[in-house]
């Protein structure tokens, strides 16, 4: 649950007051170069997060990812972002975890060119039409105009599948399972947002070929469960597993499965990752066939899948867990899991005592490193411990360890949890076991908190007049739905308000966005409210009968 606005304001004022003294001392060291602007001030002149998550979520999010050193705006071309080491560490952690699991399934790594020809694009016109407005074309090489322009891949079906047709000659060549980690370009016309909507993004895209629909279908669900694992096991973000409606499925595919997330601050759903069964649609386009092992002399088109996960996951994690102090990182993906901050060291401390203090901290760091904990110590000169506390809190480090002469005398180290603010002490002799245990507790508690929020805001609705109030209370809704595409379009129209919020403060705006289908959850609500073929579709204008509960919501 989000804190009330007044609590948020009070916390913000307190943080600003604490930072004021440190800011004055740090001002001389501030960079003089031209910097990105947040709220009209140079970012280096501001200590901490100045926007409230509850009052101005969009500004808060962009300020957090910038100040926590996750991204930098690429000033050469709009819509592109530099991913800084913290972001790349998170992405690399996801990559290692996911790669290890798909290797067990027999998936191999490959790398295909980033350019594709118009000829290949024309082969899959129905699929590419959806990307056409976002295609980036290269028309010149040096001072020479290309005879045939080439496009930068928005996805790689047209790049890869001509080679699948070449390599797959027999059913013995199946399954063919390839994955590549790359970047793609989709020239977004809408306003871009770090991680969520960018003109270039990193992702993995798996493309596989199978002999039968059954084998393809098994893999679709195996991959979907791995995607759920990325969110739930690594990022501590709960997701709903389900199938997309026909309106929302992958263009040109047979069916699409998805994991759907939820952003508590604005009540929006967000697509987490998708695993598609392409059926035989693409194999017919690219003539990927094998001899039918059951009927010699006859050829069959292979069944194909594609599946992808992008750096959007990082943005979802930030939005779900972050607070008015900045990032809150799940320990399993945090680049720095524990930060040591020395306290009690001042101008009266002798060099010998300082060195002894430093040696004690470095000994503890070495102990934690052996225990597999990623840790740093902050010995920066010219910054007070309070300034350092705020700085590392903004960067989301899960555990802060404070160590001073009083702690040394008691043979303990003081800790503070980033997620809850809980404080305590741990005997130095026990840190090799207690700190890893604490990190796992934080990971589990962060997931439980997010899971409880998502569960509380999935509302089962059986009366049309309850839909808009539920959406306005930041819920996603489960409704009886007929699964008809035209009905789905009409539901979005019926729940869209006229946009008369332009001059209204951000925290007072009435949402105008209509709701769309997020997924048909695999886990259907229990009860007798829906009898397929008998219960009416919730849309009051629809005469059809509901087939399943479908999750709708305002979404990204």
Protein backbone atom coordinates (compact mmCIF):
# COMPACT_ATOMS: atom_id res chain seq x y z
CA UNK A 1 0.00 0.00 0.00
CA UNK A 2 1.23 3.50 -0.80
CA UNK A 3 1.69 5.90 2.16
CA UNK A 4 -0.86 8.74 2.44
CA UNK A 5 0.08 11.97 0.72
CA UNK A 6 0.68 13.81 3.99
CA UNK A 7 3.08 11.12 5.23
CA UNK A 8 4.87 11.27 1.92
CA UNK A 9 5.26 15.07 2.16
CA UNK A 10 6.50 14.85 5.74
CA UNK A 11 9.09 12.19 4.85
CA UNK A 12 10.22 14.24 1.88
CA UNK A 13 10.68 17.41 3.98
CA UNK A 14 12.62 15.48 6.60
CA UNK A 15 14.92 13.95 3.98
CA UNK A 16 15.53 17.36 2.41
CA UNK A 17 16.36 18.89 5.79
CA UNK A 18 18.83 16.12 6.61
CA UNK A 19 20.46 16.54 3.24
CA UNK A 20 20.78 20.33 3.38
CA UNK A 21 23.97 20.44 5.48
CA UNK A 22 25.61 17.70 3.44
CA UNK A 23 24.57 19.43 0.22
CA UNK A 24 26.35 22.63 1.25
CA UNK A 25 29.57 20.73 1.95
CA UNK A 26 29.31 18.82 -1.33
CA UNK A 27 28.52 21.88 -3.46
CA UNK A 28 32.16 22.69 -4.13
CA UNK A 29 32.67 19.22 -5.56
CA UNK A 30 29.63 19.37 -7.83
CA UNK A 31 30.29 19.03 -11.53
CA UNK A 32 30.04 22.22 -13.57
CA UNK A 33 29.25 20.47 -16.86
CA UNK A 34 25.86 20.69 -18.54
CA UNK A 35 23.59 18.13 -16.91
CA UNK A 36 20.14 16.66 -17.55
CA UNK A 37 17.46 18.69 -15.83
CA UNK A 38 14.96 17.30 -13.36
CA UNK A 39 12.39 19.70 -11.97
CA UNK A 40 14.33 22.70 -13.25
CA UNK A 41 17.48 22.03 -11.23
CA UNK A 42 20.80 20.46 -12.09
CA UNK A 43 20.82 16.92 -10.82
CA UNK A 44 24.15 17.31 -9.02
CA UNK A 45 22.71 20.20 -7.00
CA UNK A 46 19.96 17.98 -5.59
CA UNK A 47 20.45 15.42 -2.83
CA UNK A 48 17.87 12.67 -2.79
CA UNK A 49 14.61 12.26 -4.68
CA UNK A 50 12.51 15.41 -4.94
CA UNK A 51 9.33 13.99 -6.51
CA UNK A 52 6.83 11.96 -4.53
CA UNK A 53 5.94 8.52 -5.88
CA UNK A 54 2.35 8.97 -4.72
CA UNK A 55 1.89 12.49 -6.10
CA UNK A 56 3.81 12.48 -9.38
CA UNK A 57 4.63 8.92 -10.31
CA UNK A 58 5.97 9.61 -13.81
CA UNK A 59 8.38 12.33 -12.66
CA UNK A 60 9.39 10.21 -9.66
CA UNK A 61 10.24 7.24 -11.88
CA UNK A 62 12.37 9.21 -14.33
CA UNK A 63 14.18 10.96 -11.48
CA UNK A 64 14.94 7.67 -9.71
CA UNK A 65 16.43 5.85 -12.71
CA UNK A 66 18.60 8.89 -13.48
CA UNK A 67 19.81 9.72 -9.98
CA UNK A 68 20.33 6.10 -8.95
CA UNK A 69 22.74 5.87 -11.90
CA UNK A 70 20.76 3.30 -13.83
CA UNK A 71 20.51 5.27 -17.07
CA UNK A 72 21.75 8.41 -18.74
CA UNK A 73 19.90 10.24 -21.49
CA UNK A 74 21.63 9.88 -24.83
CA UNK A 75 21.87 13.50 -25.93
CA UNK A 76 22.79 12.81 -29.56
CA UNK A 77 19.43 11.31 -30.58
CA UNK A 78 16.18 11.48 -28.63
CA UNK A 79 14.52 8.30 -27.46
CA UNK A 80 17.78 6.44 -26.73
CA UNK A 81 19.34 5.79 -23.34
CA UNK A 82 22.71 4.73 -21.97
CA UNK A 83 22.42 1.75 -19.63
CA UNK A 84 24.90 2.26 -16.80
CA UNK A 85 26.70 -0.51 -14.88
CA UNK A 86 23.93 -1.01 -12.30
CA UNK A 87 21.37 -1.72 -15.02
CA UNK A 88 23.76 -3.96 -16.91
CA UNK A 89 24.52 -5.94 -13.75
CA UNK A 90 20.80 -6.63 -13.28
CA UNK A 91 20.41 -7.57 -16.95
CA UNK A 92 23.51 -9.79 -16.82
CA UNK A 93 22.16 -11.56 -13.72
CA UNK A 94 18.90 -12.25 -15.54
CA UNK A 95 20.82 -13.40 -18.61
CA UNK A 96 22.96 -15.87 -16.65
CA UNK A 97 19.95 -17.32 -14.82
CA UNK A 98 17.79 -17.64 -17.94
CA UNK A 99 20.61 -18.95 -20.15
CA UNK A 100 21.40 -21.68 -17.66
CA UNK A 101 17.81 -22.89 -17.71
CA UNK A 102 17.25 -22.81 -21.46
CA UNK A 103 20.53 -24.64 -22.04
CA UNK A 104 19.03 -27.49 -20.01
CA UNK A 105 16.15 -27.52 -22.50
CA UNK A 106 18.58 -27.90 -25.40
CA UNK A 107 18.48 -24.29 -26.60
CA UNK A 108 21.70 -23.10 -28.27
CA UNK A 109 23.08 -19.60 -28.71
CA UNK A 110 23.30 -17.95 -32.11
CA UNK A 111 23.82 -14.49 -33.57
CA UNK A 112 22.14 -13.20 -36.71
CA UNK A 113 22.75 -9.89 -38.55
CA UNK A 114 20.88 -6.79 -37.46
CA UNK A 115 19.83 -5.82 -40.99
CA UNK A 116 17.04 -7.36 -43.04
CA UNK A 117 16.02 -6.88 -46.63
CA UNK A 118 12.74 -5.64 -48.00
CA UNK A 119 12.38 -8.99 -49.80
CA UNK A 120 12.34 -10.88 -46.49
CA UNK A 121 9.96 -8.37 -44.99
CA UNK A 122 7.54 -8.79 -47.87
CA UNK A 123 7.35 -12.53 -47.16
CA UNK A 124 5.77 -11.89 -43.80
CA UNK A 125 3.74 -8.80 -44.65
CA UNK A 126 0.91 -9.47 -42.19
CA UNK A 127 3.38 -9.81 -39.34
CA UNK A 128 5.55 -6.84 -40.29
CA UNK A 129 2.65 -4.47 -40.91
CA UNK A 130 2.43 -3.99 -37.14
CA UNK A 131 6.06 -2.85 -37.04
CA UNK A 132 6.01 -0.83 -40.27
CA UNK A 133 5.57 2.62 -38.66
CA UNK A 134 8.52 1.88 -36.34
CA UNK A 135 10.97 0.46 -38.89
CA UNK A 136 14.29 2.30 -39.19
CA UNK A 137 15.75 2.17 -42.71
CA UNK A 138 19.36 2.56 -43.87
CA UNK A 139 19.45 4.18 -47.31
CA UNK A 140 23.08 5.26 -47.67
CA UNK A 141 26.53 3.76 -47.11
CA UNK A 142 29.01 6.62 -46.94
CA UNK A 143 28.18 8.93 -49.84
CA UNK A 144 26.60 6.17 -51.91
CA UNK A 145 22.87 5.59 -52.02
CA UNK A 146 21.99 1.92 -51.56
CA UNK A 147 20.23 0.28 -54.50
CA UNK A 148 17.96 -1.49 -52.03
CA UNK A 149 17.43 0.05 -48.56
CA UNK A 150 17.82 -2.28 -45.59
CA UNK A 151 15.87 -2.17 -42.35
CA UNK A 152 17.23 -2.51 -38.81
CA UNK A 153 15.53 -5.48 -37.19
CA UNK A 154 12.51 -4.76 -34.98
CA UNK A 155 12.50 -8.54 -34.34
CA UNK A 156 14.31 -11.35 -36.15
CA UNK A 157 11.82 -13.72 -37.77
CA UNK A 158 12.58 -12.40 -41.26
CA UNK A 159 16.33 -12.56 -40.59
CA UNK A 160 16.40 -16.08 -39.18
CA UNK A 161 13.73 -18.15 -40.88
CA UNK A 162 15.25 -18.32 -44.38
CA UNK A 163 18.11 -20.20 -42.70
CA UNK A 164 15.75 -22.46 -40.80
CA UNK A 165 14.38 -23.48 -44.20
CA UNK A 166 17.93 -24.19 -45.35
CA UNK A 167 19.08 -26.08 -42.26
CA UNK A 168 15.97 -28.16 -41.52
CA UNK A 169 15.86 -30.97 -44.09
CA UNK A 170 14.56 -33.88 -42.07
CA UNK A 171 12.48 -34.53 -38.98
CA UNK A 172 15.79 -35.69 -37.51
CA UNK A 173 16.92 -32.05 -37.55
CA UNK A 174 14.15 -31.23 -35.10
CA UNK A 175 13.76 -29.68 -32.68
CA UNK A 176 15.88 -26.72 -33.75
CA UNK A 177 16.15 -24.35 -30.78
CA UNK A 178 18.12 -21.11 -31.08
CA UNK A 179 18.29 -18.04 -28.89
CA UNK A 180 20.12 -14.76 -29.30
CA UNK A 181 20.77 -11.84 -26.95
CA UNK A 182 20.75 -8.64 -28.93
CA UNK A 183 19.23 -5.21 -29.37
CA UNK A 184 16.38 -4.24 -31.67
CA UNK A 185 15.20 -0.87 -32.92
CA UNK A 186 11.58 0.26 -33.03
CA UNK A 187 11.35 3.95 -33.82
CA UNK A 188 8.69 4.89 -31.30
CA UNK A 189 6.66 7.98 -32.19
CA UNK A 190 5.24 8.26 -28.67
CA UNK A 191 7.07 9.78 -25.72
CA UNK A 192 9.87 7.45 -24.67
CA UNK A 193 10.48 6.32 -21.09
CA UNK A 194 13.62 4.58 -19.78
CA UNK A 195 13.27 0.78 -19.94
CA UNK A 196 9.53 0.87 -20.70
CA UNK A 197 9.41 2.51 -24.12
CA UNK A 198 12.69 3.18 -25.91
CA UNK A 199 13.71 3.24 -29.54
CA UNK A 200 16.41 0.64 -28.94
CA UNK A 201 16.26 -2.01 -26.27
CA UNK A 202 18.09 -5.14 -25.22
CA UNK A 203 16.31 -8.47 -25.17
CA UNK A 204 16.62 -12.15 -25.80
CA UNK A 205 14.63 -13.75 -28.59
CA UNK A 206 14.24 -17.49 -28.85
CA UNK A 207 13.08 -19.11 -32.08
CA UNK A 208 12.40 -22.83 -32.24
CA UNK A 209 11.01 -25.41 -34.66
CA UNK A 210 9.22 -28.65 -33.77
CA UNK A 211 7.60 -31.56 -35.54
CA UNK A 212 4.20 -31.38 -33.84
CA UNK A 213 1.83 -28.92 -32.21
CA UNK A 214 2.02 -30.87 -28.96
CA UNK A 215 5.82 -30.56 -28.73
CA UNK A 216 5.66 -26.86 -29.57
CA UNK A 217 2.97 -26.32 -26.94
CA UNK A 218 5.02 -27.99 -24.21
CA UNK A 219 7.93 -25.66 -24.84
CA UNK A 220 5.72 -22.54 -24.88
CA UNK A 221 4.68 -23.23 -21.29
CA UNK A 222 8.17 -24.25 -20.15
CA UNK A 223 9.55 -20.91 -21.33
CA UNK A 224 6.63 -18.97 -19.85
CA UNK A 225 7.37 -20.51 -16.46
CA UNK A 226 11.00 -19.42 -16.77
CA UNK A 227 9.85 -15.87 -17.48
CA UNK A 228 7.68 -16.02 -14.38
CA UNK A 229 10.79 -17.18 -12.51
CA UNK A 230 12.77 -14.12 -13.66
CA UNK A 231 10.12 -11.87 -12.15
CA UNK A 232 9.24 -13.83 -9.06
CA UNK A 233 12.54 -15.45 -8.09
CA UNK A 234 15.00 -12.73 -9.12
CA UNK A 235 13.07 -9.45 -9.12
CA UNK A 236 10.55 -10.25 -6.35
CA UNK A 237 7.70 -9.17 -8.65
CA UNK A 238 4.51 -11.29 -8.81
CA UNK A 239 2.95 -12.02 -12.20
CA UNK A 240 -0.21 -13.65 -13.55
CA UNK A 241 0.31 -16.37 -16.13
CA UNK A 242 -2.19 -16.50 -18.93
CA UNK A 243 -3.08 -16.45 -22.61
CA UNK A 244 -3.65 -13.37 -24.73
CA UNK A 245 -6.97 -12.80 -26.47
CA UNK A 246 -7.07 -12.93 -30.26
CA UNK A 247 -6.97 -9.13 -30.37
CA UNK A 248 -3.81 -8.98 -28.28
CA UNK A 249 -1.88 -12.02 -29.51
CA UNK A 250 1.37 -11.76 -31.49
CA UNK A 251 0.66 -10.69 -35.07
CA UNK A 252 0.96 -13.69 -37.37
CA UNK A 253 1.07 -16.15 -34.49
CA UNK A 254 -1.20 -19.07 -33.54
CA UNK A 255 -1.55 -18.10 -29.87
CA UNK A 256 0.37 -16.06 -27.30
CA UNK A 257 0.98 -16.80 -23.62
CA UNK A 258 2.07 -14.05 -21.27
CA UNK A 259 3.08 -13.09 -17.75
CA UNK A 260 1.35 -9.90 -16.64
CA UNK A 261 2.53 -7.59 -13.88
CA UNK A 262 0.87 -4.82 -11.89
CA UNK A 263 2.08 -1.34 -10.90
CA UNK A 264 0.48 -0.38 -7.55
CA UNK A 265 1.15 3.38 -7.82
CA UNK A 266 -1.16 3.90 -10.79
CA UNK A 267 -3.06 0.62 -10.90
CA UNK A 268 -1.90 -0.26 -14.38
CA UNK A 269 -1.15 -3.69 -15.74
CA UNK A 270 2.04 -4.25 -17.65
CA UNK A 271 3.04 -7.07 -19.99
CA UNK A 272 6.08 -8.80 -18.53
CA UNK A 273 7.17 -11.27 -21.24
CA UNK A 274 5.54 -13.38 -23.92
CA UNK A 275 5.94 -16.92 -25.22
CA UNK A 276 4.26 -17.46 -28.60
CA UNK A 277 3.24 -20.53 -30.50
CA UNK A 278 3.55 -19.42 -34.12
CA UNK A 279 1.87 -22.56 -35.40
CA UNK A 280 2.70 -23.27 -39.03
CA UNK A 281 2.11 -19.70 -40.20
CA UNK A 282 5.75 -18.75 -40.59
CA UNK A 283 6.91 -22.16 -41.78
CA UNK A 284 4.43 -21.77 -44.67
CA UNK A 285 5.75 -18.28 -45.45
CA UNK A 286 9.35 -19.46 -45.49
CA UNK A 287 8.75 -23.02 -46.71
CA UNK A 288 10.22 -24.79 -43.67
CA UNK A 289 9.19 -28.40 -44.24
CA UNK A 290 10.25 -31.95 -43.40
CA UNK A 291 9.18 -35.34 -44.63
CA UNK A 292 6.36 -36.69 -42.48
CA UNK A 293 7.84 -39.65 -40.54
CA UNK A 294 4.36 -41.24 -40.43
CA UNK A 295 3.66 -40.84 -44.14
CA UNK A 296 6.72 -41.29 -46.31
CA UNK A 297 6.80 -39.15 -49.39
CA UNK A 298 4.61 -36.47 -47.83
CA UNK A 299 5.98 -33.25 -46.38
CA UNK A 300 4.67 -31.26 -43.42
CA UNK A 301 5.35 -27.71 -42.29
CA UNK A 302 7.11 -27.50 -38.94
CA UNK A 303 5.53 -25.98 -35.86
CA UNK A 304 7.36 -22.92 -34.57
CA UNK A 305 7.62 -20.90 -31.37
CA UNK A 306 9.17 -17.56 -30.51
CA UNK A 307 9.64 -16.02 -27.09
CA UNK A 308 11.17 -12.82 -25.76
CA UNK A 309 12.09 -10.93 -22.60
CA UNK A 310 13.45 -7.37 -22.65
CA UNK A 311 15.09 -4.80 -20.38
CA UNK A 312 11.54 -3.62 -19.64
CA UNK A 313 11.78 -6.01 -16.67
CA UNK A 314 14.15 -3.56 -14.95
CA UNK A 315 11.64 -0.73 -15.22
CA UNK A 316 8.88 -2.92 -13.79
CA UNK A 317 11.10 -3.80 -10.83
CA UNK A 318 11.87 -0.12 -10.15
CA UNK A 319 8.20 0.90 -10.28
CA UNK A 320 7.00 -1.92 -8.03
CA UNK A 321 9.60 -1.66 -5.26
CA UNK A 322 10.95 1.90 -5.29
CA UNK A 323 9.94 4.55 -2.73
CA UNK A 324 10.42 8.24 -2.06
CA UNK A 325 14.05 7.66 -1.12
CA UNK A 326 14.85 6.01 -4.47
CA UNK A 327 15.50 2.44 -5.56
CA UNK A 328 14.76 -0.61 -3.46
CA UNK A 329 16.68 -3.50 -5.00
CA UNK A 330 15.94 -7.20 -4.46
CA UNK A 331 19.16 -8.72 -3.06
CA UNK A 332 19.47 -11.38 -5.77
CA UNK A 333 19.98 -8.77 -8.50
CA UNK A 334 21.64 -5.96 -6.50
CA UNK A 335 25.11 -5.10 -7.76
CA UNK A 336 26.05 -4.17 -4.19
CA UNK A 337 24.13 -6.19 -1.62
CA UNK A 338 25.78 -4.73 1.47
CA UNK A 339 27.45 -1.35 1.98
CA UNK A 340 29.78 -0.72 4.93
CA UNK A 341 29.73 2.86 6.19
CA UNK A 342 32.28 3.78 8.86
CA UNK A 343 30.96 6.01 11.64
CA UNK A 344 32.59 7.72 14.60
CA UNK A 345 35.66 8.69 12.58
CA UNK A 346 36.42 12.42 12.84
CA UNK A 347 39.25 14.93 12.87
CA UNK A 348 40.27 13.79 16.36
CA UNK A 349 40.74 10.17 15.27
CA UNK A 350 44.43 9.28 15.13
CA UNK A 351 45.87 7.79 11.94
CA UNK A 352 46.58 4.59 13.87
CA UNK A 353 42.99 4.27 15.10
CA UNK A 354 41.66 5.07 11.65
CA UNK A 355 43.84 2.38 10.09
CA UNK A 356 42.73 -0.13 12.72
CA UNK A 357 39.11 0.75 12.01
CA UNK A 358 39.62 0.38 8.29
CA UNK A 359 41.34 -2.98 8.74
CA UNK A 360 38.41 -4.27 10.81
CA UNK A 361 35.92 -3.29 8.14
CA UNK A 362 38.01 -4.79 5.36
CA UNK A 363 38.30 -8.03 7.34
CA UNK A 364 34.52 -8.18 7.58
CA UNK A 365 34.21 -7.42 3.89
CA UNK A 366 36.56 -10.30 3.09
CA UNK A 367 34.50 -12.61 5.29
CA UNK A 368 31.30 -11.63 3.50
CA UNK A 369 32.93 -11.98 0.11
CA UNK A 370 33.88 -15.57 0.96
CA UNK A 371 30.24 -16.13 1.94
CA UNK A 372 29.19 -14.98 -1.54
CA UNK A 373 27.95 -11.51 -0.56
CA UNK A 374 28.61 -8.58 -2.92
CA UNK A 375 29.83 -5.79 -0.65
CA UNK A 376 31.58 -2.43 -0.70
CA UNK A 377 32.85 0.03 1.91
CA UNK A 378 32.43 3.79 1.60
CA UNK A 379 35.52 5.70 2.68
CA UNK A 380 34.83 8.79 0.58
CA UNK A 381 36.29 11.95 2.10
CA UNK A 382 34.22 15.10 2.58
CA UNK A 383 30.86 13.39 3.06
CA UNK A 384 29.12 12.83 6.39
CA UNK A 385 27.74 9.39 7.31
CA UNK A 386 24.21 10.84 7.00
CA UNK A 387 24.91 11.97 3.42
CA UNK A 388 26.26 8.52 2.59
CA UNK A 389 23.19 6.86 4.14
CA UNK A 390 20.93 8.88 1.83
CA UNK A 391 23.13 8.23 -1.19
CA UNK A 392 23.16 4.45 -0.79
CA UNK A 393 19.47 4.38 0.08
CA UNK A 394 18.77 6.21 -3.18
CA UNK A 395 20.75 3.51 -5.01
CA UNK A 396 18.68 0.80 -3.38
CA UNK A 397 21.41 -1.25 -1.64
CA UNK A 398 19.53 -3.89 0.41
CA UNK A 399 21.59 -3.73 3.62
CA UNK A 400 23.62 -0.94 5.20
CA UNK A 401 26.20 -1.91 7.81
CA UNK A 402 27.41 0.83 10.14
CA UNK A 403 30.59 0.26 12.11
CA UNK A 404 32.15 2.60 14.64
CA UNK A 405 34.34 2.44 17.75
CA UNK A 406 31.30 1.69 19.95
CA UNK A 407 30.36 -1.24 17.70
CA UNK A 408 33.95 -2.46 17.76
CA UNK A 409 33.96 -2.41 21.56
CA UNK A 410 30.81 -4.55 21.63
CA UNK A 411 32.09 -6.78 18.78
CA UNK A 412 28.96 -6.14 16.73
CA UNK A 413 28.04 -4.41 13.51
CA UNK A 414 24.86 -2.34 13.17
CA UNK A 415 22.55 -2.99 10.21
CA UNK A 416 19.66 -1.21 8.50
CA UNK A 417 17.34 -2.83 5.95
CA UNK A 418 16.59 -0.76 2.86
CA UNK A 419 13.15 -2.29 2.27
CA UNK A 420 11.64 -1.78 5.74
CA UNK A 421 14.09 0.50 7.55
CA UNK A 422 14.43 -2.08 10.32
CA UNK A 423 17.63 -1.70 12.35
CA UNK A 424 19.58 -3.96 14.67
CA UNK A 425 22.98 -5.44 15.44
CA UNK A 426 24.74 -8.65 14.45
CA UNK A 427 27.75 -10.17 16.25
CA UNK A 428 30.82 -9.85 14.07
CA UNK A 429 31.50 -13.54 14.58
CA UNK A 430 28.13 -14.40 12.96
CA UNK A 431 28.09 -12.17 9.88
CA UNK A 432 29.10 -14.96 7.46
CA UNK A 433 25.78 -16.72 8.19
CA UNK A 434 23.49 -13.95 9.44
CA UNK A 435 23.98 -11.52 6.54
CA UNK A 436 23.18 -14.08 3.80
CA UNK A 437 20.13 -15.13 5.86
CA UNK A 438 19.07 -11.49 6.16
CA UNK A 439 19.40 -10.97 2.40
CA UNK A 440 17.19 -13.99 1.69
CA UNK A 441 14.65 -12.71 4.23
CA UNK A 442 14.58 -9.34 2.46
CA UNK A 443 14.12 -11.04 -0.91
CA UNK A 444 11.19 -13.08 0.40
CA UNK A 445 9.58 -10.15 2.23
CA UNK A 446 9.77 -7.92 -0.85
CA UNK A 447 7.98 -10.56 -2.89
CA UNK A 448 5.32 -11.14 -0.24
CA UNK A 449 4.59 -7.41 -0.04
CA UNK A 450 4.25 -7.05 -3.81
CA UNK A 451 2.21 -10.26 -4.09
CA UNK A 452 -0.23 -9.10 -1.42
CA UNK A 453 -0.67 -5.77 -3.22
CA UNK A 454 -1.36 -7.44 -6.57
CA UNK A 455 -3.80 -9.94 -5.05
CA UNK A 456 -5.66 -7.15 -3.24
CA UNK A 457 -6.03 -5.19 -6.47
CA UNK A 458 -7.34 -8.00 -8.72
CA UNK A 459 -11.07 -7.51 -8.38
CA UNK A 460 -13.68 -9.96 -9.65
CA UNK A 461 -16.45 -7.81 -11.13
CA UNK A 462 -19.93 -9.05 -12.09
CA UNK A 463 -21.74 -5.71 -12.53
CA UNK A 464 -20.83 -3.31 -15.33
CA UNK A 465 -21.46 -0.24 -13.17
CA UNK A 466 -18.67 -1.41 -10.83
CA UNK A 467 -16.00 -1.45 -13.54
CA UNK A 468 -14.98 2.22 -13.69
CA UNK A 469 -14.98 2.71 -9.90
CA UNK A 470 -12.76 -0.36 -9.56
CA UNK A 471 -10.35 0.96 -12.19
CA UNK A 472 -10.28 4.38 -10.52
CA UNK A 473 -9.32 2.67 -7.25
CA UNK A 474 -6.20 1.36 -9.03
CA UNK A 475 -7.41 -2.17 -9.63
CA UNK A 476 -7.29 -4.55 -12.54
CA UNK A 477 -10.54 -6.41 -13.03
CA UNK A 478 -11.57 -9.97 -13.80
CA UNK A 479 -14.81 -9.99 -15.79
CA UNK A 480 -16.95 -12.61 -17.57
CA UNK A 481 -16.12 -12.09 -21.24
CA UNK A 482 -17.31 -13.54 -24.53
CA UNK A 483 -13.81 -13.38 -26.16
CA UNK A 484 -15.17 -11.57 -29.24
CA UNK A 485 -12.67 -9.08 -30.66
CA UNK A 486 -15.27 -6.44 -31.57
CA UNK A 487 -16.73 -6.62 -28.08
CA UNK A 488 -13.24 -6.17 -26.67
CA UNK A 489 -12.73 -3.02 -28.75
CA UNK A 490 -16.08 -1.68 -27.57
CA UNK A 491 -15.20 -2.29 -23.92
CA UNK A 492 -12.14 -0.09 -24.35
CA UNK A 493 -14.30 2.65 -25.89
CA UNK A 494 -16.91 2.41 -23.14
CA UNK A 495 -14.31 2.80 -20.39
CA UNK A 496 -12.45 5.71 -22.02
CA UNK A 497 -13.18 9.17 -20.65
CA UNK A 498 -12.78 12.47 -22.50
CA UNK A 499 -9.33 13.86 -21.72
CA UNK A 500 -10.16 17.07 -19.85
CA UNK A 501 -7.25 16.80 -17.41
CA UNK A 502 -4.68 18.96 -19.15
CA UNK A 503 -4.69 21.77 -16.57
CA UNK A 504 -5.28 19.55 -13.55
CA UNK A 505 -2.42 18.76 -11.09
CA UNK A 506 -0.92 15.31 -11.64
CA UNK A 507 -2.22 13.87 -8.35
CA UNK A 508 -5.78 15.11 -9.02
CA UNK A 509 -6.24 13.86 -12.57
CA UNK A 510 -9.11 11.51 -13.32
CA UNK A 511 -7.81 8.65 -15.50
CA UNK A 512 -9.07 8.88 -19.06
CA UNK A 513 -7.51 5.71 -20.44
CA UNK A 514 -9.86 2.88 -21.36
CA UNK A 515 -9.19 -0.66 -20.21
CA UNK A 516 -7.92 -3.42 -22.46
CA UNK A 517 -7.59 -7.15 -22.01
CA UNK A 518 -4.40 -8.20 -20.25
CA UNK A 519 -4.81 -11.96 -20.40
CA UNK A 520 -7.07 -14.94 -19.90
CA UNK A 521 -5.57 -16.22 -16.63
CA UNK A 522 -4.67 -19.90 -16.56
CA UNK A 523 -5.85 -19.90 -12.95
CA UNK A 524 -9.53 -19.02 -13.30
CA UNK A 525 -11.47 -17.63 -10.31
CA UNK A 526 -13.41 -20.23 -8.38
CA UNK A 527 -17.16 -20.01 -7.92
CA UNK A 528 -20.42 -20.36 -9.79
CA UNK A 529 -20.70 -16.80 -11.18
CA UNK A 530 -19.61 -17.91 -14.67
CA UNK A 531 -21.08 -20.81 -16.59
CA UNK A 532 -19.48 -20.94 -20.07
CA UNK A 533 -22.09 -20.44 -22.77
CA UNK A 534 -24.78 -19.40 -20.26
CA UNK A 535 -23.46 -16.44 -18.26
CA UNK A 536 -23.83 -13.11 -20.06
CA UNK A 537 -20.76 -11.18 -21.20
CA UNK A 538 -20.29 -8.22 -18.83
CA UNK A 539 -20.36 -5.66 -21.67
CA UNK A 540 -23.94 -4.28 -21.42
CA UNK A 541 -24.08 -3.83 -25.20
CA UNK A 542 -23.04 -7.42 -25.93
CA UNK A 543 -25.59 -10.18 -26.52
CA UNK A 544 -22.94 -12.90 -26.43
CA UNK A 545 -22.26 -15.36 -23.65
CA UNK A 546 -19.15 -15.36 -21.48
CA UNK A 547 -16.58 -18.06 -22.12
CA UNK A 548 -13.99 -17.29 -19.43
CA UNK A 549 -12.91 -14.79 -16.82
CA UNK A 550 -10.57 -12.31 -18.52
CA UNK A 551 -8.29 -9.85 -16.76
CA UNK A 552 -8.74 -6.30 -18.03
CA UNK A 553 -7.11 -3.09 -16.91
CA UNK A 554 -5.53 0.18 -17.80
CA UNK A 555 -2.10 -0.74 -19.02
CA UNK A 556 1.24 0.33 -20.40
